[in-house]
Amino acid sequence: MTMRITKGKVVDGQVIVEGDPLNEGSTVTVLVSDETTFRLNAEDEAALLQAIAGADQNNLISGEDVIKKIS
C-alpha cells in the first residue's frame, strides 16, 4: 500500500483536496488541526505513517497508552 500526505479544506461539509485528486474510493485518514498548523520533521512523519499503517492492520493501542507515551 502506498500512502501520501495531502491537505485540503472543508467546503459545504466536504473535504476539498489540494493538488492532485485522490482516486475514487480511496480510504483516507483525516487529522483536524483546529486552526493550528503544525509541521512534522521526517522522523515524526515516518512515525505517523507507521502508526496509520498499524491502525489499518488493527494494531491499535489505547488512548491511555498514547498519553503515557507522549507525556
PDB file of N, CA and C in Angstrom:
ATOM      1  N   MET A   1       0.845  -1.171   0.000  1.00  0.00           N
ATOM      2  CA  MET A   1       0.000   0.000   0.000  1.00  0.00           C
ATOM      3  C   MET A   1       0.894   1.239   0.000  1.00  0.00           C
ATOM      4  N   THR A   2       0.610   2.165  -0.874  1.00  0.00           N
ATOM      5  CA  THR A   2       1.325   3.426  -0.927  1.00  0.00           C
ATOM      6  C   THR A   2       0.497   4.475  -0.215  1.00  0.00           C
ATOM      7  N   MET A   3       1.167   5.312   0.567  1.00  0.00           N
ATOM      8  CA  MET A   3       0.468   6.371   1.286  1.00  0.00           C
ATOM      9  C   MET A   3       1.111   7.703   0.945  1.00  0.00           C
ATOM     10  N   ARG A   4       0.313   8.750   1.009  1.00  0.00           N
ATOM     11  CA  ARG A   4       0.843  10.095   0.824  1.00  0.00           C
ATOM     12  C   ARG A   4       0.100  11.037   1.743  1.00  0.00           C
ATOM     13  N   ILE A   5       0.728  12.135   2.036  1.00  0.00           N
ATOM     14  CA  ILE A   5       0.098  13.155   2.864  1.00  0.00           C
ATOM     15  C   ILE A   5      -0.311  14.297   1.957  1.00  0.00           C
ATOM     16  N   THR A   6      -1.540  14.741   2.108  1.00  0.00           N
ATOM     17  CA  THR A   6      -2.039  15.879   1.351  1.00  0.00           C
ATOM     18  C   THR A   6      -2.888  16.713   2.282  1.00  0.00           C
ATOM     19  N   LYS A   7      -3.293  17.860   1.860  1.00  0.00           N
ATOM     20  CA  LYS A   7      -4.169  18.662   2.708  1.00  0.00           C
ATOM     21  C   LYS A   7      -5.327  19.182   1.896  1.00  0.00           C
ATOM     22  N   GLY A   8      -6.311  19.658   2.590  1.00  0.00           N
ATOM     23  CA  GLY A   8      -7.498  20.166   1.927  1.00  0.00           C
ATOM     24  C   GLY A   8      -8.248  21.105   2.848  1.00  0.00           C
ATOM     25  N   LYS A   9      -9.433  21.480   2.429  1.00  0.00           N
ATOM     26  CA  LYS A   9     -10.262  22.411   3.192  1.00  0.00           C
ATOM     27  C   LYS A   9     -11.706  21.921   3.133  1.00  0.00           C
ATOM     28  N   VAL A  10     -12.438  22.097   4.221  1.00  0.00           N
ATOM     29  CA  VAL A  10     -13.843  21.706   4.246  1.00  0.00           C
ATOM     30  C   VAL A  10     -14.662  22.830   3.614  1.00  0.00           C
ATOM     31  N   VAL A  11     -15.434  22.478   2.590  1.00  0.00           N
ATOM     32  CA  VAL A  11     -16.313  23.417   1.901  1.00  0.00           C
ATOM     33  C   VAL A  11     -17.682  22.757   1.801  1.00  0.00           C
ATOM     34  N   ASP A  12     -18.683  23.400   2.379  1.00  0.00           N
ATOM     35  CA  ASP A  12     -20.043  22.848   2.385  1.00  0.00           C
ATOM     36  C   ASP A  12     -20.085  21.417   2.914  1.00  0.00           C
ATOM     37  N   GLY A  13     -19.291  21.145   3.962  1.00  0.00           N
ATOM     38  CA  GLY A  13     -19.307  19.845   4.609  1.00  0.00           C
ATOM     39  C   GLY A  13     -18.488  18.764   3.925  1.00  0.00           C
ATOM     40  N   GLN A  14     -17.793  19.099   2.837  1.00  0.00           N
ATOM     41  CA  GLN A  14     -16.968  18.120   2.144  1.00  0.00           C
ATOM     42  C   GLN A  14     -15.523  18.581   2.141  1.00  0.00           C
ATOM     43  N   VAL A  15     -14.597  17.624   2.198  1.00  0.00           N
ATOM     44  CA  VAL A  15     -13.176  17.943   2.165  1.00  0.00           C
ATOM     45  C   VAL A  15     -12.756  18.084   0.703  1.00  0.00           C
ATOM     46  N   ILE A  16     -12.254  19.258   0.363  1.00  0.00           N
ATOM     47  CA  ILE A  16     -11.744  19.524  -0.979  1.00  0.00           C
ATOM     48  C   ILE A  16     -10.218  19.413  -0.895  1.00  0.00           C
ATOM     49  N   VAL A  17      -9.656  18.446  -1.590  1.00  0.00           N
ATOM     50  CA  VAL A  17      -8.228  18.155  -1.517  1.00  0.00           C
ATOM     51  C   VAL A  17      -7.473  19.084  -2.456  1.00  0.00           C
ATOM     52  N   GLU A  18      -6.359  19.638  -1.948  1.00  0.00           N
ATOM     53  CA  GLU A  18      -5.488  20.467  -2.767  1.00  0.00           C
ATOM     54  C   GLU A  18      -4.590  19.562  -3.604  1.00  0.00           C
ATOM     55  N   GLY A  19      -4.149  20.035  -4.736  1.00  0.00           N
ATOM     56  CA  GLY A  19      -3.216  19.284  -5.570  1.00  0.00           C
ATOM     57  C   GLY A  19      -3.912  18.204  -6.373  1.00  0.00           C
ATOM     58  N   ASP A  20      -3.168  17.127  -6.636  1.00  0.00           N
ATOM     59  CA  ASP A  20      -3.705  16.030  -7.449  1.00  0.00           C
ATOM     60  C   ASP A  20      -4.910  15.397  -6.769  1.00  0.00           C
ATOM     61  N   PRO A  21      -5.961  15.087  -7.533  1.00  0.00           N
ATOM     62  CA  PRO A  21      -7.139  14.462  -6.930  1.00  0.00           C
ATOM     63  C   PRO A  21      -6.827  13.049  -6.457  1.00  0.00           C
ATOM     64  N   LEU A  22      -7.596  12.607  -5.473  1.00  0.00           N
ATOM     65  CA  LEU A  22      -7.474  11.238  -4.977  1.00  0.00           C
ATOM     66  C   LEU A  22      -8.262  10.301  -5.885  1.00  0.00           C
ATOM     67  N   ASN A  23      -7.834   9.046  -5.917  1.00  0.00           N
ATOM     68  CA  ASN A  23      -8.564   8.054  -6.704  1.00  0.00           C
ATOM     69  C   ASN A  23      -9.924   7.808  -6.086  1.00  0.00           C
ATOM     70  N   GLU A  24     -10.937   7.632  -6.908  1.00  0.00           N
ATOM     71  CA  GLU A  24     -12.283   7.333  -6.446  1.00  0.00           C
ATOM     72  C   GLU A  24     -12.246   6.093  -5.571  1.00  0.00           C
ATOM     73  N   GLY A  25     -12.878   6.160  -4.414  1.00  0.00           N
ATOM     74  CA  GLY A  25     -12.916   5.032  -3.499  1.00  0.00           C
ATOM     75  C   GLY A  25     -11.730   4.941  -2.557  1.00  0.00           C
ATOM     76  N   SER A  26     -10.823   5.929  -2.622  1.00  0.00           N
ATOM     77  CA  SER A  26      -9.654   5.923  -1.726  1.00  0.00           C
ATOM     78  C   SER A  26     -10.107   5.972  -0.278  1.00  0.00           C
ATOM     79  N   THR A  27      -9.403   5.240   0.580  1.00  0.00           N
ATOM     80  CA  THR A  27      -9.624   5.326   2.018  1.00  0.00           C
ATOM     81  C   THR A  27      -8.686   6.396   2.554  1.00  0.00           C
ATOM     82  N   VAL A  28      -9.215   7.331   3.325  1.00  0.00           N
ATOM     83  CA  VAL A  28      -8.409   8.435   3.827  1.00  0.00           C
ATOM     84  C   VAL A  28      -8.518   8.529   5.342  1.00  0.00           C
ATOM     85  N   THR A  29      -7.490   9.090   5.954  1.00  0.00           N
ATOM     86  CA  THR A  29      -7.495   9.419   7.372  1.00  0.00           C
ATOM     87  C   THR A  29      -7.406  10.926   7.470  1.00  0.00           C
ATOM     88  N   VAL A  30      -8.281  11.534   8.243  1.00  0.00           N
ATOM     89  CA  VAL A  30      -8.323  12.991   8.345  1.00  0.00           C
ATOM     90  C   VAL A  30      -7.878  13.399   9.738  1.00  0.00           C
ATOM     91  N   LEU A  31      -6.861  14.247   9.815  1.00  0.00           N
ATOM     92  CA  LEU A  31      -6.412  14.835  11.072  1.00  0.00           C
ATOM     93  C   LEU A  31      -6.849  16.289  11.058  1.00  0.00           C
ATOM     94  N   VAL A  32      -7.629  16.705  12.033  1.00  0.00           N
ATOM     95  CA  VAL A  32      -8.119  18.072  12.082  1.00  0.00           C
ATOM     96  C   VAL A  32      -7.219  18.890  12.988  1.00  0.00           C
ATOM     97  N   SER A  33      -6.741  19.999  12.473  1.00  0.00           N
ATOM     98  CA  SER A  33      -5.767  20.786  13.220  1.00  0.00           C
ATOM     99  C   SER A  33      -6.392  21.852  14.110  1.00  0.00           C
ATOM    100  N   ASP A  34      -7.699  22.011  14.088  1.00  0.00           N
ATOM    101  CA  ASP A  34      -8.364  23.045  14.885  1.00  0.00           C
ATOM    102  C   ASP A  34      -7.729  24.412  14.687  1.00  0.00           C
ATOM    103  N   GLU A  35      -7.478  24.737  13.428  1.00  0.00           N
ATOM    104  CA  GLU A  35      -6.930  26.027  13.019  1.00  0.00           C
ATOM    105  C   GLU A  35      -5.482  26.252  13.443  1.00  0.00           C
ATOM    106  N   THR A  36      -4.868  25.294  14.109  1.00  0.00           N
ATOM    107  CA  THR A  36      -3.463  25.391  14.471  1.00  0.00           C
ATOM    108  C   THR A  36      -2.685  24.508  13.518  1.00  0.00           C
ATOM    109  N   THR A  37      -1.737  25.070  12.832  1.00  0.00           N
ATOM    110  CA  THR A  37      -0.968  24.263  11.897  1.00  0.00           C
ATOM    111  C   THR A  37       0.257  23.698  12.593  1.00  0.00           C
ATOM    112  N   PHE A  38       0.782  22.636  12.059  1.00  0.00           N
ATOM    113  CA  PHE A  38       1.986  22.043  12.603  1.00  0.00           C
ATOM    114  C   PHE A  38       2.781  21.454  11.455  1.00  0.00           C
ATOM    115  N   ARG A  39       4.048  21.308  11.684  1.00  0.00           N
ATOM    116  CA  ARG A  39       4.934  20.697  10.691  1.00  0.00           C
ATOM    117  C   ARG A  39       5.608  19.504  11.339  1.00  0.00           C
ATOM    118  N   LEU A  40       5.816  18.486  10.557  1.00  0.00           N
ATOM    119  CA  LEU A  40       6.494  17.295  11.041  1.00  0.00           C
ATOM    120  C   LEU A  40       7.856  17.197  10.379  1.00  0.00           C
ATOM    121  N   ASN A  41       8.853  16.844  11.181  1.00  0.00           N
ATOM    122  CA  ASN A  41      10.139  16.536  10.568  1.00  0.00           C
ATOM    123  C   ASN A  41      10.031  15.143   9.967  1.00  0.00           C
ATOM    124  N   ALA A  42      11.045  14.728   9.218  1.00  0.00           N
ATOM    125  CA  ALA A  42      10.987  13.445   8.509  1.00  0.00           C
ATOM    126  C   ALA A  42      10.775  12.274   9.463  1.00  0.00           C
ATOM    127  N   GLU A  43      11.411  12.320  10.635  1.00  0.00           N
ATOM    128  CA  GLU A  43      11.284  11.231  11.612  1.00  0.00           C
ATOM    129  C   GLU A  43       9.858  11.134  12.151  1.00  0.00           C
ATOM    130  N   ASP A  44       9.270  12.279  12.508  1.00  0.00           N
ATOM    131  CA  ASP A  44       7.903  12.284  13.024  1.00  0.00           C
ATOM    132  C   ASP A  44       6.895  11.889  11.942  1.00  0.00           C
ATOM    133  N   GLU A  45       7.132  12.327  10.708  1.00  0.00           N
ATOM    134  CA  GLU A  45       6.248  11.947   9.611  1.00  0.00           C
ATOM    135  C   GLU A  45       6.281  10.436   9.401  1.00  0.00           C
ATOM    136  N   ALA A  46       7.482   9.857   9.448  1.00  0.00           N
ATOM    137  CA  ALA A  46       7.612   8.405   9.296  1.00  0.00           C
ATOM    138  C   ALA A  46       6.885   7.682  10.426  1.00  0.00           C
ATOM    139  N   ALA A  47       7.004   8.194  11.657  1.00  0.00           N
ATOM    140  CA  ALA A  47       6.322   7.573  12.804  1.00  0.00           C
ATOM    141  C   ALA A  47       4.807   7.658  12.638  1.00  0.00           C
ATOM    142  N   LEU A  48       4.312   8.800  12.155  1.00  0.00           N
ATOM    143  CA  LEU A  48       2.880   8.962  11.931  1.00  0.00           C
ATOM    144  C   LEU A  48       2.389   7.973  10.875  1.00  0.00           C
ATOM    145  N   LEU A  49       3.113   7.868   9.769  1.00  0.00           N
ATOM    146  CA  LEU A  49       2.719   6.943   8.711  1.00  0.00           C
ATOM    147  C   LEU A  49       2.765   5.496   9.193  1.00  0.00           C
ATOM    148  N   GLN A  50       3.743   5.169  10.027  1.00  0.00           N
ATOM    149  CA  GLN A  50       3.834   3.819  10.590  1.00  0.00           C
ATOM    150  C   GLN A  50       2.640   3.545  11.504  1.00  0.00           C
ATOM    151  N   ALA A  51       2.262   4.535  12.303  1.00  0.00           N
ATOM    152  CA  ALA A  51       1.112   4.370  13.191  1.00  0.00           C
ATOM    153  C   ALA A  51      -0.183   4.197  12.399  1.00  0.00           C
ATOM    154  N   ILE A  52      -0.326   4.965  11.327  1.00  0.00           N
ATOM    155  CA  ILE A  52      -1.515   4.844  10.484  1.00  0.00           C
ATOM    156  C   ILE A  52      -1.562   3.451   9.851  1.00  0.00           C
ATOM    157  N   ALA A  53      -0.420   2.975   9.372  1.00  0.00           N
ATOM    158  CA  ALA A  53      -0.370   1.634   8.781  1.00  0.00           C
ATOM    159  C   ALA A  53      -0.732   0.577   9.822  1.00  0.00           C
ATOM    160  N   GLY A  54      -0.262   0.754  11.049  1.00  0.00           N
ATOM    161  CA  GLY A  54      -0.610  -0.170  12.124  1.00  0.00           C
ATOM    162  C   GLY A  54      -2.097  -0.154  12.412  1.00  0.00           C
ATOM    163  N   ALA A  55      -2.690   1.035  12.404  1.00  0.00           N
ATOM    164  CA  ALA A  55      -4.128   1.143  12.638  1.00  0.00           C
ATOM    165  C   ALA A  55      -4.906   0.459  11.518  1.00  0.00           C
ATOM    166  N   ASP A  56      -4.420   0.594  10.286  1.00  0.00           N
ATOM    167  CA  ASP A  56      -5.074  -0.062   9.157  1.00  0.00           C
ATOM    168  C   ASP A  56      -5.049  -1.575   9.315  1.00  0.00           C
ATOM    169  N   GLN A  57      -4.079  -2.104  10.060  1.00  0.00           N
ATOM    170  CA  GLN A  57      -3.969  -3.540  10.297  1.00  0.00           C
ATOM    171  C   GLN A  57      -4.578  -3.929  11.642  1.00  0.00           C
ATOM    172  N   ASN A  58      -5.353  -3.011  12.242  1.00  0.00           N
ATOM    173  CA  ASN A  58      -5.984  -3.211  13.550  1.00  0.00           C
ATOM    174  C   ASN A  58      -4.974  -3.438  14.659  1.00  0.00           C
ATOM    175  N   ASN A  59      -3.764  -2.912  14.501  1.00  0.00           N
ATOM    176  CA  ASN A  59      -2.721  -2.968  15.520  1.00  0.00           C
ATOM    177  C   ASN A  59      -2.820  -1.669  16.320  1.00  0.00           C
ATOM    178  N   LEU A  60      -3.748  -1.629  17.269  1.00  0.00           N
ATOM    179  CA  LEU A  60      -4.090  -0.391  17.972  1.00  0.00           C
ATOM    180  C   LEU A  60      -3.635  -0.422  19.426  1.00  0.00           C
ATOM    181  N   ILE A  61      -3.435   0.763  19.998  1.00  0.00           N
ATOM    182  CA  ILE A  61      -3.157   0.886  21.426  1.00  0.00           C
ATOM    183  C   ILE A  61      -4.201   1.805  22.034  1.00  0.00           C
ATOM    184  N   SER A  62      -4.385   1.709  23.326  1.00  0.00           N
ATOM    185  CA  SER A  62      -5.415   2.501  23.990  1.00  0.00           C
ATOM    186  C   SER A  62      -5.018   3.976  24.078  1.00  0.00           C
ATOM    187  N   GLY A  63      -5.992   4.829  24.255  1.00  0.00           N
ATOM    188  CA  GLY A  63      -5.745   6.247  24.436  1.00  0.00           C
ATOM    189  C   GLY A  63      -4.872   6.528  25.644  1.00  0.00           C
ATOM    190  N   GLU A  64      -5.063   5.758  26.712  1.00  0.00           N
ATOM    191  CA  GLU A  64      -4.232   5.920  27.920  1.00  0.00           C
ATOM    192  C   GLU A  64      -2.760   5.661  27.614  1.00  0.00           C
ATOM    193  N   ASP A  65      -2.485   4.627  26.826  1.00  0.00           N
ATOM    194  CA  ASP A  65      -1.111   4.325  26.455  1.00  0.00           C
ATOM    195  C   ASP A  65      -0.506   5.415  25.592  1.00  0.00           C
ATOM    196  N   VAL A  66      -1.311   6.006  24.718  1.00  0.00           N
ATOM    197  CA  VAL A  66      -0.816   7.107  23.887  1.00  0.00           C
ATOM    198  C   VAL A  66      -0.421   8.285  24.761  1.00  0.00           C
ATOM    199  N   ILE A  67      -1.261   8.630  25.718  1.00  0.00           N
ATOM    200  CA  ILE A  67      -0.974   9.756  26.616  1.00  0.00           C
ATOM    201  C   ILE A  67       0.296   9.475  27.405  1.00  0.00           C
ATOM    202  N   LYS A  68       0.460   8.253  27.886  1.00  0.00           N
ATOM    203  CA  LYS A  68       1.684   7.891  28.618  1.00  0.00           C
ATOM    204  C   LYS A  68       2.920   8.057  27.746  1.00  0.00           C
ATOM    205  N   LYS A  69       2.820   7.669  26.470  1.00  0.00           N
ATOM    206  CA  LYS A  69       3.963   7.758  25.560  1.00  0.00           C
ATOM    207  C   LYS A  69       4.378   9.204  25.287  1.00  0.00           C
ATOM    208  N   ILE A  70       3.414  10.105  25.184  1.00  0.00           N
ATOM    209  CA  ILE A  70       3.746  11.480  24.821  1.00  0.00           C
ATOM    210  C   ILE A  70       3.951  12.390  26.039  1.00  0.00           C
ATOM    211  N   SER A  71       3.675  11.881  27.206  1.00  0.00           N
ATOM    212  CA  SER A  71       3.848  12.697  28.433  1.00  0.00           C
ATOM    213  C   SER A  71       5.279  12.683  28.901  1.00  0.00           C
TER     214      SER A  71
END
